[in-house]
Amino acid sequence: MIAIALQVAAGAVALSLLFNGYRLLKGPALGDRIVALDTMVINVIAVIVLIGMMGDTATYFEAALLLAMVGFVSTIAYCKFLLRGDIIE
């Protein structure tokens, strides 16, 4: 039963990645593209966690945690660049 739930979740996350890719390419404003990129990072984290659950290994969870930290910092840096034009003050 859990295998079926994991497959359904993987399909839902794949569909979400497809919609996020569309918003990333066709976003009317730069802010929409930043939000789409951040959401794609979250969805990739979900894919990594799902793969870890399917494979029954803990290594993928550590990779997902590292990607979450890098994704957060990169989103903040990109937003700061848009607002001020400089990342390092």
C-alpha atoms as a PDB file:
ATOM      1  CA  MET A   1       0.000   0.000   0.000  1.00  0.00           C
ATOM      2  CA  ILE A   2       2.822   2.418   0.795  1.00  0.00           C
ATOM      3  CA  ALA A   3       4.409   1.667  -2.590  1.00  0.00           C
ATOM      4  CA  ILE A   4       1.263   2.838  -4.351  1.00  0.00           C
ATOM      5  CA  ALA A   5       1.159   5.998  -2.243  1.00  0.00           C
ATOM      6  CA  LEU A   6       4.794   6.705  -3.105  1.00  0.00           C
ATOM      7  CA  GLN A   7       4.075   6.274  -6.812  1.00  0.00           C
ATOM      8  CA  VAL A   8       1.094   8.637  -6.638  1.00  0.00           C
ATOM      9  CA  ALA A   9       3.190  11.183  -4.725  1.00  0.00           C
ATOM     10  CA  ALA A  10       5.972  10.925  -7.313  1.00  0.00           C
ATOM     11  CA  GLY A  11       3.461  11.576 -10.082  1.00  0.00           C
ATOM     12  CA  ALA A  12       2.046  14.594  -8.261  1.00  0.00           C
ATOM     13  CA  VAL A  13       5.496  16.054  -7.668  1.00  0.00           C
ATOM     14  CA  ALA A  14       6.433  15.464 -11.317  1.00  0.00           C
ATOM     15  CA  LEU A  15       3.293  17.299 -12.426  1.00  0.00           C
ATOM     16  CA  SER A  16       4.120  20.128 -10.042  1.00  0.00           C
ATOM     17  CA  LEU A  17       7.647  20.348 -11.489  1.00  0.00           C
ATOM     18  CA  LEU A  18       6.144  20.601 -14.962  1.00  0.00           C
ATOM     19  CA  PHE A  19       3.896  23.488 -13.930  1.00  0.00           C
ATOM     20  CA  ASN A  20       6.775  25.209 -12.155  1.00  0.00           C
ATOM     21  CA  GLY A  21       8.920  24.879 -15.257  1.00  0.00           C
ATOM     22  CA  TYR A  22       6.210  26.590 -17.267  1.00  0.00           C
ATOM     23  CA  ARG A  23       6.015  29.450 -14.756  1.00  0.00           C
ATOM     24  CA  LEU A  24       9.804  29.728 -14.762  1.00  0.00           C
ATOM     25  CA  LEU A  25       9.909  30.115 -18.541  1.00  0.00           C
ATOM     26  CA  LYS A  26       6.758  32.199 -19.083  1.00  0.00           C
ATOM     27  CA  GLY A  27       6.567  34.214 -15.861  1.00  0.00           C
ATOM     28  CA  PRO A  28       5.423  37.755 -16.575  1.00  0.00           C
ATOM     29  CA  ALA A  29       7.696  39.295 -13.959  1.00  0.00           C
ATOM     30  CA  LEU A  30      11.074  38.473 -12.521  1.00  0.00           C
ATOM     31  CA  GLY A  31       9.548  37.959  -9.077  1.00  0.00           C
ATOM     32  CA  ASP A  32       7.319  35.205 -10.467  1.00  0.00           C
ATOM     33  CA  ARG A  33      10.368  33.466 -11.850  1.00  0.00           C
ATOM     34  CA  ILE A  34      12.160  33.661  -8.503  1.00  0.00           C
ATOM     35  CA  VAL A  35       9.165  32.138  -6.729  1.00  0.00           C
ATOM     36  CA  ALA A  36       8.934  29.416  -9.390  1.00  0.00           C
ATOM     37  CA  LEU A  37      12.631  28.608  -8.976  1.00  0.00           C
ATOM     38  CA  ASP A  38      12.282  28.423  -5.204  1.00  0.00           C
ATOM     39  CA  THR A  39       9.249  26.167  -5.557  1.00  0.00           C
ATOM     40  CA  MET A  40      11.175  23.949  -7.956  1.00  0.00           C
ATOM     41  CA  VAL A  41      13.915  23.566  -5.351  1.00  0.00           C
ATOM     42  CA  ILE A  42      11.277  22.471  -2.844  1.00  0.00           C
ATOM     43  CA  ASN A  43       9.857  19.986  -5.348  1.00  0.00           C
ATOM     44  CA  VAL A  44      13.308  18.570  -6.083  1.00  0.00           C
ATOM     45  CA  ILE A  45      13.763  18.102  -2.344  1.00  0.00           C
ATOM     46  CA  ALA A  46      10.474  16.197  -2.330  1.00  0.00           C
ATOM     47  CA  VAL A  47      11.714  14.002  -5.197  1.00  0.00           C
ATOM     48  CA  ILE A  48      14.923  13.236  -3.316  1.00  0.00           C
ATOM     49  CA  VAL A  49      12.964  12.318  -0.188  1.00  0.00           C
ATOM     50  CA  LEU A  50      10.634  10.093  -2.215  1.00  0.00           C
ATOM     51  CA  ILE A  51      13.595   8.315  -3.794  1.00  0.00           C
ATOM     52  CA  GLY A  52      15.042   7.820  -0.328  1.00  0.00           C
ATOM     53  CA  MET A  53      11.776   6.344   0.892  1.00  0.00           C
ATOM     54  CA  MET A  54      11.508   4.042  -2.116  1.00  0.00           C
ATOM     55  CA  GLY A  55      15.113   2.886  -1.754  1.00  0.00           C
ATOM     56  CA  ASP A  56      14.938   2.644   2.041  1.00  0.00           C
ATOM     57  CA  THR A  57      18.199   4.504   2.585  1.00  0.00           C
ATOM     58  CA  ALA A  58      19.022   7.511   4.753  1.00  0.00           C
ATOM     59  CA  THR A  59      21.666   9.030   2.484  1.00  0.00           C
ATOM     60  CA  TYR A  60      19.054  10.772   0.363  1.00  0.00           C
ATOM     61  CA  PHE A  61      17.591  12.538   3.392  1.00  0.00           C
ATOM     62  CA  GLU A  62      20.956  14.133   4.145  1.00  0.00           C
ATOM     63  CA  ALA A  63      21.228  15.244   0.525  1.00  0.00           C
ATOM     64  CA  ALA A  64      17.742  16.756   0.734  1.00  0.00           C
ATOM     65  CA  LEU A  65      18.712  18.667   3.857  1.00  0.00           C
ATOM     66  CA  LEU A  66      21.816  20.078   2.180  1.00  0.00           C
ATOM     67  CA  LEU A  67      19.813  21.089  -0.887  1.00  0.00           C
ATOM     68  CA  ALA A  68      17.263  22.819   1.345  1.00  0.00           C
ATOM     69  CA  MET A  69      19.972  24.923   2.956  1.00  0.00           C
ATOM     70  CA  VAL A  70      21.590  25.820  -0.362  1.00  0.00           C
ATOM     71  CA  GLY A  71      18.215  26.603  -1.942  1.00  0.00           C
ATOM     72  CA  PHE A  72      17.262  28.945   0.868  1.00  0.00           C
ATOM     73  CA  VAL A  73      20.537  30.843   0.741  1.00  0.00           C
ATOM     74  CA  SER A  74      20.463  31.135  -3.051  1.00  0.00           C
ATOM     75  CA  THR A  75      16.893  32.466  -3.038  1.00  0.00           C
ATOM     76  CA  ILE A  76      17.780  35.092  -0.449  1.00  0.00           C
ATOM     77  CA  ALA A  77      20.907  36.090  -2.385  1.00  0.00           C
ATOM     78  CA  TYR A  78      19.007  36.407  -5.658  1.00  0.00           C
ATOM     79  CA  CYS A  79      16.279  38.535  -4.065  1.00  0.00           C
ATOM     80  CA  LYS A  80      18.875  40.755  -2.426  1.00  0.00           C
ATOM     81  CA  PHE A  81      20.603  41.158  -5.785  1.00  0.00           C
ATOM     82  CA  LEU A  82      17.337  42.263  -7.380  1.00  0.00           C
ATOM     83  CA  LEU A  83      16.568  44.772  -4.651  1.00  0.00           C
ATOM     84  CA  ARG A  84      19.999  46.349  -4.202  1.00  0.00           C
ATOM     85  CA  GLY A  85      22.044  45.305  -7.219  1.00  0.00           C
ATOM     86  CA  ASP A  86      24.800  43.954  -4.988  1.00  0.00           C
ATOM     87  CA  ILE A  87      24.973  40.811  -2.894  1.00  0.00           C
ATOM     88  CA  ILE A  88      27.996  41.587  -0.723  1.00  0.00           C
ATOM     89  CA  GLU A  89      27.956  44.948   1.009  1.00  0.00           C
END
